[in-house]
Amino acid sequence: IYYSLIIIVFIGATNWSLEKNVSNIKIIYGFIPSCFATLIVILNLYTYSKHLVYFIIITLFFLQIIFDYLLIFKQNKKKIFYFLRIPLSSIIILIFFINLFL
């Protein structure tokens, strides 16, 4: 759980830019994964249902892929999104999906 949260936060942080004029949408979008990760850590520490925590993580990965495409990669058409980001995120989602039903 914690390793996947590190991945979610890292992916959100890679969208930050050190440019002088960064749009507010990219700033908020880069910060949101950290907020959700904090929420999941709190839920996990209070021993909420593992199924709920796994479902939230699966949902976050799906949303992050969708919003990454719409906000960042749709204009740039980078190959890294198609050949690296989608397959790796899909593997993580599949692992959590399997754990959800075991």
C-alpha atoms as a PDB file:
ATOM      1  CA  ILE A   1       0.000   0.000   0.000  1.00  0.00           C
ATOM      2  CA  TYR A   2       2.674   2.490   0.984  1.00  0.00           C
ATOM      3  CA  TYR A   3       4.855   1.737  -2.011  1.00  0.00           C
ATOM      4  CA  SER A   4       1.933   2.367  -4.366  1.00  0.00           C
ATOM      5  CA  LEU A   5       1.293   5.670  -2.590  1.00  0.00           C
ATOM      6  CA  ILE A   6       4.899   6.671  -3.194  1.00  0.00           C
ATOM      7  CA  ILE A   7       4.366   5.910  -6.884  1.00  0.00           C
ATOM      8  CA  ILE A   8       1.152   7.968  -7.015  1.00  0.00           C
ATOM      9  CA  VAL A   9       2.793  10.937  -5.301  1.00  0.00           C
ATOM     10  CA  PHE A  10       5.907  10.682  -7.465  1.00  0.00           C
ATOM     11  CA  ILE A  11       3.850  10.648 -10.671  1.00  0.00           C
ATOM     12  CA  GLY A  12       1.961  13.700  -9.463  1.00  0.00           C
ATOM     13  CA  ALA A  13       5.211  15.453  -8.594  1.00  0.00           C
ATOM     14  CA  THR A  14       6.716  14.760 -12.018  1.00  0.00           C
ATOM     15  CA  ASN A  15       4.011  16.966 -13.480  1.00  0.00           C
ATOM     16  CA  TRP A  16       5.333  19.944 -11.575  1.00  0.00           C
ATOM     17  CA  SER A  17       7.352  22.287 -13.635  1.00  0.00           C
ATOM     18  CA  LEU A  18      10.046  24.702 -12.567  1.00  0.00           C
ATOM     19  CA  GLU A  19       8.917  27.245 -15.101  1.00  0.00           C
ATOM     20  CA  LYS A  20       8.138  30.763 -13.976  1.00  0.00           C
ATOM     21  CA  ASN A  21       4.602  30.735 -15.365  1.00  0.00           C
ATOM     22  CA  VAL A  22       2.959  27.486 -14.339  1.00  0.00           C
ATOM     23  CA  SER A  23      -0.792  27.163 -14.751  1.00  0.00           C
ATOM     24  CA  ASN A  24      -2.847  26.792 -11.586  1.00  0.00           C
ATOM     25  CA  ILE A  25      -4.352  23.580 -12.913  1.00  0.00           C
ATOM     26  CA  LYS A  26      -0.925  21.897 -13.085  1.00  0.00           C
ATOM     27  CA  ILE A  27      -0.077  23.101  -9.568  1.00  0.00           C
ATOM     28  CA  ILE A  28      -3.317  21.738  -8.119  1.00  0.00           C
ATOM     29  CA  TYR A  29      -3.074  18.553 -10.174  1.00  0.00           C
ATOM     30  CA  GLY A  30       0.454  17.930  -8.887  1.00  0.00           C
ATOM     31  CA  PHE A  31      -0.647  18.483  -5.281  1.00  0.00           C
ATOM     32  CA  ILE A  32      -3.825  16.356  -5.250  1.00  0.00           C
ATOM     33  CA  PRO A  33      -2.055  12.936  -5.205  1.00  0.00           C
ATOM     34  CA  SER A  34      -0.256  13.947  -2.005  1.00  0.00           C
ATOM     35  CA  CYS A  35      -3.576  14.768  -0.352  1.00  0.00           C
ATOM     36  CA  PHE A  36      -5.100  11.455  -1.403  1.00  0.00           C
ATOM     37  CA  ALA A  37      -2.009   9.562  -0.247  1.00  0.00           C
ATOM     38  CA  THR A  38      -2.282  11.199   3.163  1.00  0.00           C
ATOM     39  CA  LEU A  39      -5.943  10.205   3.341  1.00  0.00           C
ATOM     40  CA  ILE A  40      -5.128   6.589   2.471  1.00  0.00           C
ATOM     41  CA  VAL A  41      -2.337   6.466   5.080  1.00  0.00           C
ATOM     42  CA  ILE A  42      -4.787   7.714   7.713  1.00  0.00           C
ATOM     43  CA  LEU A  43      -7.419   5.178   6.640  1.00  0.00           C
ATOM     44  CA  ASN A  44      -4.836   2.405   6.768  1.00  0.00           C
ATOM     45  CA  LEU A  45      -3.559   3.462  10.189  1.00  0.00           C
ATOM     46  CA  TYR A  46      -7.101   3.433  11.564  1.00  0.00           C
ATOM     47  CA  THR A  47      -7.396  -0.106  10.148  1.00  0.00           C
ATOM     48  CA  TYR A  48     -10.212   0.551   7.753  1.00  0.00           C
ATOM     49  CA  SER A  49     -11.174  -2.276   5.459  1.00  0.00           C
ATOM     50  CA  LYS A  50      -8.354  -3.345   3.166  1.00  0.00           C
ATOM     51  CA  HIS A  51     -10.932  -3.702   0.401  1.00  0.00           C
ATOM     52  CA  LEU A  52     -11.851  -0.031   0.723  1.00  0.00           C
ATOM     53  CA  VAL A  53      -8.203   1.033   0.704  1.00  0.00           C
ATOM     54  CA  TYR A  54      -7.427  -1.149  -2.335  1.00  0.00           C
ATOM     55  CA  PHE A  55     -10.499   0.152  -4.165  1.00  0.00           C
ATOM     56  CA  ILE A  56      -9.469   3.768  -3.510  1.00  0.00           C
ATOM     57  CA  ILE A  57      -5.925   3.081  -4.760  1.00  0.00           C
ATOM     58  CA  ILE A  58      -7.241   1.387  -7.924  1.00  0.00           C
ATOM     59  CA  THR A  59      -9.543   4.341  -8.537  1.00  0.00           C
ATOM     60  CA  LEU A  60      -6.702   6.820  -7.996  1.00  0.00           C
ATOM     61  CA  PHE A  61      -4.466   5.047 -10.513  1.00  0.00           C
ATOM     62  CA  PHE A  62      -7.269   5.021 -13.097  1.00  0.00           C
ATOM     63  CA  LEU A  63      -8.019   8.700 -12.541  1.00  0.00           C
ATOM     64  CA  GLN A  64      -4.353   9.597 -12.681  1.00  0.00           C
ATOM     65  CA  ILE A  65      -3.919   7.849 -16.039  1.00  0.00           C
ATOM     66  CA  ILE A  66      -6.987   9.577 -17.465  1.00  0.00           C
ATOM     67  CA  PHE A  67      -6.059  13.045 -16.212  1.00  0.00           C
ATOM     68  CA  ASP A  68      -2.413  12.628 -17.222  1.00  0.00           C
ATOM     69  CA  TYR A  69      -3.555  11.936 -20.741  1.00  0.00           C
ATOM     70  CA  LEU A  70      -6.062  14.786 -20.839  1.00  0.00           C
ATOM     71  CA  LEU A  71      -3.944  17.462 -19.145  1.00  0.00           C
ATOM     72  CA  ILE A  72      -0.376  16.612 -20.143  1.00  0.00           C
ATOM     73  CA  PHE A  73       0.168  13.951 -22.779  1.00  0.00           C
ATOM     74  CA  LYS A  74      -2.678  14.697 -25.175  1.00  0.00           C
ATOM     75  CA  GLN A  75      -0.931  17.790 -26.520  1.00  0.00           C
ATOM     76  CA  ASN A  76       2.587  16.342 -26.512  1.00  0.00           C
ATOM     77  CA  LYS A  77       1.926  12.773 -27.753  1.00  0.00           C
ATOM     78  CA  LYS A  78       4.911  11.402 -25.856  1.00  0.00           C
ATOM     79  CA  LYS A  79       5.786   7.756 -26.346  1.00  0.00           C
ATOM     80  CA  ILE A  80       6.669   7.389 -22.671  1.00  0.00           C
ATOM     81  CA  PHE A  81       2.980   7.555 -21.803  1.00  0.00           C
ATOM     82  CA  TYR A  82       2.031   4.723 -24.141  1.00  0.00           C
ATOM     83  CA  PHE A  83       5.046   2.451 -23.711  1.00  0.00           C
ATOM     84  CA  LEU A  84       5.889   2.960 -20.048  1.00  0.00           C
ATOM     85  CA  ARG A  85       3.206   4.741 -18.056  1.00  0.00           C
ATOM     86  CA  ILE A  86       0.130   2.798 -19.172  1.00  0.00           C
ATOM     87  CA  PRO A  87       1.701  -0.708 -18.950  1.00  0.00           C
ATOM     88  CA  LEU A  88       3.247  -0.126 -15.528  1.00  0.00           C
ATOM     89  CA  SER A  89       0.121   1.462 -14.105  1.00  0.00           C
ATOM     90  CA  SER A  90      -1.939  -1.381 -15.547  1.00  0.00           C
ATOM     91  CA  ILE A  91       0.265  -3.950 -13.806  1.00  0.00           C
ATOM     92  CA  ILE A  92      -0.117  -2.135 -10.483  1.00  0.00           C
ATOM     93  CA  ILE A  93      -3.890  -1.906 -10.948  1.00  0.00           C
ATOM     94  CA  LEU A  94      -4.041  -5.617 -11.830  1.00  0.00           C
ATOM     95  CA  ILE A  95      -2.071  -6.575  -8.706  1.00  0.00           C
ATOM     96  CA  PHE A  96      -4.372  -4.532  -6.484  1.00  0.00           C
ATOM     97  CA  PHE A  97      -7.417  -5.921  -8.279  1.00  0.00           C
ATOM     98  CA  ILE A  98      -6.214  -9.476  -7.613  1.00  0.00           C
ATOM     99  CA  ASN A  99      -5.543  -8.629  -3.955  1.00  0.00           C
ATOM    100  CA  LEU A 100      -8.993  -7.103  -3.706  1.00  0.00           C
ATOM    101  CA  PHE A 101     -10.607 -10.478  -4.315  1.00  0.00           C
ATOM    102  CA  LEU A 102      -8.161 -12.700  -2.405  1.00  0.00           C
END
